[in-house]
Structure formats: structure tokens, C-alpha cells
Amino acid sequence: MPRPARDSPWQSLFKLAAKQDGLFSARQAASVGCSQQLLAKYITSGRVERVRRALYRIADFPTGEHEDLIAVWLWSRNEGVFSHETALFLHHLSDALPIRAHVTVPAAWKTRVIRIPDEAAIYYGDVADSDRAWVGALPVTSVRRTLADCLCASVAPELVAQASVQAAERGLITAAEIWSAPSINLLRTRLQS
């Protein structure tokens, strides 16, 4: 029985990038068998464009709406999850896109010596699968986790309260969940002060 044909490095790279709005990192290219020389050939031939250091786009893909966020996610080696105010924006619970991309990386990263991109605000913590969602190509904390994170991070209580009401009105969380959440006492206290 013949073996199924393996994808070429180009096919593998294209499939990977297609899931990330056409973007990929140099590390990801290497992981699918695309050597530095082959990547250079793709750039020279116009198949790939260099976006910034170690970040590339398949030339036929248009610039994505959230390319800056995907770049931060790729920096986190696909381990980060957008959270806090960035997650509020991605869930359409706030109109304001924060100046910096708020991303939670695994708690084990606290001990790493890393260069954090200027456009990122980093939080350390483990995000359970049940607290994750996807907005397009972006991993994001669930609505419930986002609201709790914002409360704990001292985001303006009025913004969190407004986002909570919107989330309940849209059926993303129940009104009972708002009032039964442990973090709601913090919100009540803050609103009363």
C-alpha cells in the first residue's frame, strides 16, 4: 500500500500561516522543514514578505485586522493568551483598544530572562482550557475569566461593570454568574468607595 505523500515545506508553511492570518515566525518555518536558505529563496521570489525581525507573511495574504496581536502571540511561541483589556476589546465588551496588547503567559515564564516587546503588557499565570476561547486566529481568555482578570488588575470598575452587563445581555454569561462570582464583592466594594 503506498504511503500518503508528505507536504512540501511550502505546503506545510502555507497551511500553518493560513491559520494565523498569513503570518508565521522564523521558528515555525524551521519546525515545518523550511531552512533559512529556503526561506530566503521564498522572500527573493516574492512568495513571502518580511514583516519584522523573525516575522513573515505569505505574500498573497492581506494584512490582517489584528496583525499586531498575532505578532505578540507568535512572540509568546503560541503559549500566550490575550487577556484583561485586550480580551475585553476582542470580545466586543469595550470599544477601546489598549495601547499595549495584554497577554497572559504561563507562570513558569516568570523565571525566564526574556525581552518583552514594547507593545505588550505581560501577566504571568496558567490559563486552563476551560478559561480559553478563540476570536478568529487569536487565543483569548473566556468572558468570565476576562472580567475576573480585569477586576483583579484594577481596571476601572465602571468599565468592568459595563462589560459585565453587556456580556449578560448578549448571553455570554448569566446575570447570576455576575453576582455569584467571588470577584463581584471586590467590584461592589470599589463602586461604593
Protein backbone atom coordinates (compact mmCIF):
# COMPACT_ATOMS: atom_id res chain seq x y z
CA MET A 1 0.00 0.00 0.00
CA PRO A 2 1.56 3.34 -0.99
CA ARG A 3 2.31 5.90 1.70
CA PRO A 4 0.45 9.19 1.54
CA ALA A 5 2.58 11.96 0.08
CA ARG A 6 4.11 14.32 2.62
CA ASP A 7 3.56 18.02 2.23
CA SER A 8 6.44 20.02 0.83
CA PRO A 9 7.97 22.65 3.12
CA TRP A 10 6.00 25.30 1.17
CA GLN A 11 2.68 23.47 1.63
CA SER A 12 3.35 22.97 5.33
CA LEU A 13 4.34 26.60 5.78
CA PHE A 14 1.28 27.82 3.87
CA LYS A 15 -1.09 25.65 5.94
CA LEU A 16 0.46 26.89 9.17
CA ALA A 17 0.34 30.55 8.12
CA ALA A 18 -3.24 30.26 6.89
CA LYS A 19 -4.34 29.57 10.48
CA GLN A 20 -2.56 32.73 11.65
CA ASP A 21 -3.87 35.29 9.15
CA GLY A 22 -0.95 34.54 6.82
CA LEU A 23 1.77 35.17 9.40
CA PHE A 24 4.45 32.85 10.73
CA SER A 25 7.66 33.09 12.73
CA ALA A 26 11.14 32.01 11.68
CA ARG A 27 10.99 29.35 14.41
CA GLN A 28 7.74 27.97 12.99
CA ALA A 29 9.21 27.91 9.47
CA ALA A 30 12.11 25.81 10.72
CA SER A 31 9.71 23.47 12.54
CA VAL A 32 7.97 22.55 9.26
CA GLY A 33 11.23 21.88 7.41
CA CYS A 34 11.82 25.30 5.86
CA SER A 35 15.53 26.06 6.19
CA GLN A 36 16.88 29.61 6.37
CA GLN A 37 18.11 29.25 2.80
CA LEU A 38 14.69 28.12 1.59
CA LEU A 39 13.00 30.94 3.48
CA ALA A 40 15.42 33.41 1.83
CA LYS A 41 14.51 31.92 -1.55
CA TYR A 42 10.78 32.41 -0.82
CA ILE A 43 11.46 36.04 0.12
CA THR A 44 13.53 36.66 -3.02
CA SER A 45 10.88 35.08 -5.25
CA GLY A 46 8.13 37.21 -3.67
CA ARG A 47 6.20 34.34 -2.11
CA VAL A 48 6.98 35.59 1.41
CA GLU A 49 7.32 39.10 2.83
CA ARG A 50 9.34 40.03 5.89
CA VAL A 51 7.09 41.91 8.33
CA ARG A 52 9.70 42.47 11.04
CA ARG A 53 12.55 40.58 12.62
CA ALA A 54 11.74 36.84 12.61
CA LEU A 55 8.12 37.51 11.49
CA TYR A 56 6.89 36.84 7.96
CA ARG A 57 3.69 36.85 5.90
CA ILE A 58 2.69 34.75 2.93
CA ALA A 59 2.62 37.40 0.18
CA ASP A 60 -0.91 36.58 -1.03
CA PHE A 61 -2.47 37.16 2.38
CA PRO A 62 -3.77 40.65 3.03
CA THR A 63 -2.70 42.45 6.18
CA GLY A 64 -4.92 41.15 8.96
CA GLU A 65 -7.06 43.31 11.21
CA HIS A 66 -5.10 42.20 14.28
CA GLU A 67 -1.65 41.63 12.81
CA ASP A 68 -0.02 43.41 15.75
CA LEU A 69 -1.71 40.99 18.17
CA ILE A 70 -0.73 37.94 16.14
CA ALA A 71 2.87 39.19 16.21
CA VAL A 72 2.73 39.29 20.03
CA TRP A 73 1.16 35.82 20.12
CA LEU A 74 3.90 34.44 17.88
CA TRP A 75 6.48 36.12 20.14
CA SER A 76 4.97 34.07 23.00
CA ARG A 77 5.60 30.92 20.95
CA ASN A 78 1.83 30.41 20.77
CA GLU A 79 1.71 29.93 24.56
CA GLY A 80 0.24 33.31 25.46
CA VAL A 81 -3.47 34.08 25.76
CA PHE A 82 -4.84 37.59 25.23
CA SER A 83 -6.40 38.77 28.45
CA HIS A 84 -7.51 41.75 30.50
CA GLU A 85 -8.37 44.88 28.49
CA THR A 86 -7.29 43.35 25.18
CA ALA A 87 -9.70 40.46 25.77
CA LEU A 88 -12.49 42.93 26.59
CA PHE A 89 -11.87 44.54 23.21
CA LEU A 90 -11.70 41.22 21.33
CA HIS A 91 -14.96 40.06 22.96
CA HIS A 92 -16.53 43.40 21.89
CA LEU A 93 -17.16 44.35 25.51
CA SER A 94 -15.15 47.57 25.21
CA ASP A 95 -14.63 49.98 22.33
CA ALA A 96 -11.16 51.00 23.44
CA LEU A 97 -8.22 49.00 22.12
CA PRO A 98 -5.49 49.30 24.73
CA ILE A 99 -2.20 50.88 23.70
CA ARG A 100 -0.41 47.67 24.66
CA ALA A 101 -1.50 44.09 23.99
CA HIS A 102 -2.39 42.44 27.30
CA VAL A 103 -1.28 38.82 27.22
CA THR A 104 -1.04 36.17 29.92
CA VAL A 105 1.88 33.77 29.55
CA PRO A 106 2.46 30.61 31.60
CA ALA A 107 3.51 31.16 35.23
CA ALA A 108 6.74 29.25 34.56
CA TRP A 109 7.84 32.15 32.33
CA LYS A 110 8.45 34.30 35.44
CA THR A 111 11.86 32.70 35.83
CA ARG A 112 12.85 33.21 32.19
CA VAL A 113 15.01 36.05 31.01
CA ILE A 114 13.04 37.34 28.05
CA ARG A 115 12.84 40.50 26.02
CA ILE A 116 9.24 41.65 26.21
CA PRO A 117 8.03 43.51 23.12
CA ASP A 118 7.32 47.19 23.75
CA GLU A 119 3.76 46.70 22.53
CA ALA A 120 2.97 44.01 25.12
CA ALA A 121 1.81 44.10 28.74
CA ILE A 122 2.63 40.72 30.25
CA TYR A 123 0.81 38.87 33.03
CA TYR A 124 2.03 35.56 34.41
CA GLY A 125 -0.44 32.79 35.15
CA ASP A 126 -1.71 29.48 33.90
CA VAL A 127 -4.93 29.67 31.91
CA ALA A 128 -6.99 26.47 32.00
CA ASP A 129 -8.52 25.21 28.75
CA SER A 130 -11.96 25.97 30.18
CA ASP A 131 -10.90 29.63 30.52
CA ARG A 132 -9.80 29.92 26.87
CA ALA A 133 -11.65 30.90 23.73
CA TRP A 134 -10.72 31.91 20.18
CA VAL A 135 -11.58 35.13 18.40
CA GLY A 136 -10.58 34.44 14.82
CA ALA A 137 -6.92 33.40 14.87
CA LEU A 138 -6.35 34.76 18.37
CA PRO A 139 -6.46 32.85 21.68
CA VAL A 140 -8.27 34.89 24.30
CA THR A 141 -9.43 34.35 27.86
CA SER A 142 -13.11 33.45 28.24
CA VAL A 143 -15.52 36.26 29.03
CA ARG A 144 -15.85 35.10 32.65
CA ARG A 145 -12.06 34.88 33.13
CA THR A 146 -11.55 38.23 31.37
CA LEU A 147 -13.92 40.01 33.73
CA ALA A 148 -12.28 38.42 36.78
CA ASP A 149 -8.78 39.30 35.50
CA CYS A 150 -9.82 42.91 34.92
CA LEU A 151 -11.17 43.21 38.45
CA CYS A 152 -8.01 41.80 39.96
CA ALA A 153 -5.82 44.06 37.81
CA SER A 154 -7.56 47.25 38.95
CA VAL A 155 -9.20 48.05 35.62
CA ALA A 156 -11.73 50.85 36.12
CA PRO A 157 -14.68 49.30 37.99
CA GLU A 158 -17.17 51.19 35.81
CA LEU A 159 -15.66 49.59 32.69
CA VAL A 160 -15.84 46.12 34.24
CA ALA A 161 -19.42 46.67 35.40
CA GLN A 162 -20.47 47.91 31.95
CA ALA A 163 -18.71 44.97 30.26
CA SER A 164 -20.39 42.52 32.67
CA VAL A 165 -23.83 43.89 31.89
CA GLN A 166 -23.14 43.77 28.14
CA ALA A 167 -21.88 40.19 28.43
CA ALA A 168 -25.04 39.17 30.31
CA GLU A 169 -27.30 40.99 27.82
CA ARG A 170 -25.60 39.15 24.95
CA GLY A 171 -25.91 35.80 26.73
CA LEU A 172 -22.16 35.34 27.13
CA ILE A 173 -22.57 34.98 30.89
CA THR A 174 -25.66 34.85 33.04
CA ALA A 175 -26.72 37.61 35.40
CA ALA A 176 -26.44 35.06 38.21
CA GLU A 177 -22.79 34.47 37.27
CA ILE A 178 -22.08 38.17 37.62
CA TRP A 179 -23.47 38.33 41.14
CA SER A 180 -22.19 34.95 42.32
CA ALA A 181 -18.61 35.41 41.16
CA PRO A 182 -16.12 35.77 44.05
CA SER A 183 -14.68 38.86 42.38
CA ILE A 184 -18.02 40.68 42.44
CA ASN A 185 -17.52 41.61 46.11
CA LEU A 186 -14.37 43.42 45.05
CA LEU A 187 -16.38 45.27 42.40
CA ARG A 188 -19.12 46.19 44.90
CA THR A 189 -16.52 47.49 47.33
CA ARG A 190 -14.80 49.55 44.66
CA LEU A 191 -18.04 51.05 43.36
CA GLN A 192 -19.07 52.05 46.89
CA SER A 193 -15.78 53.82 47.68
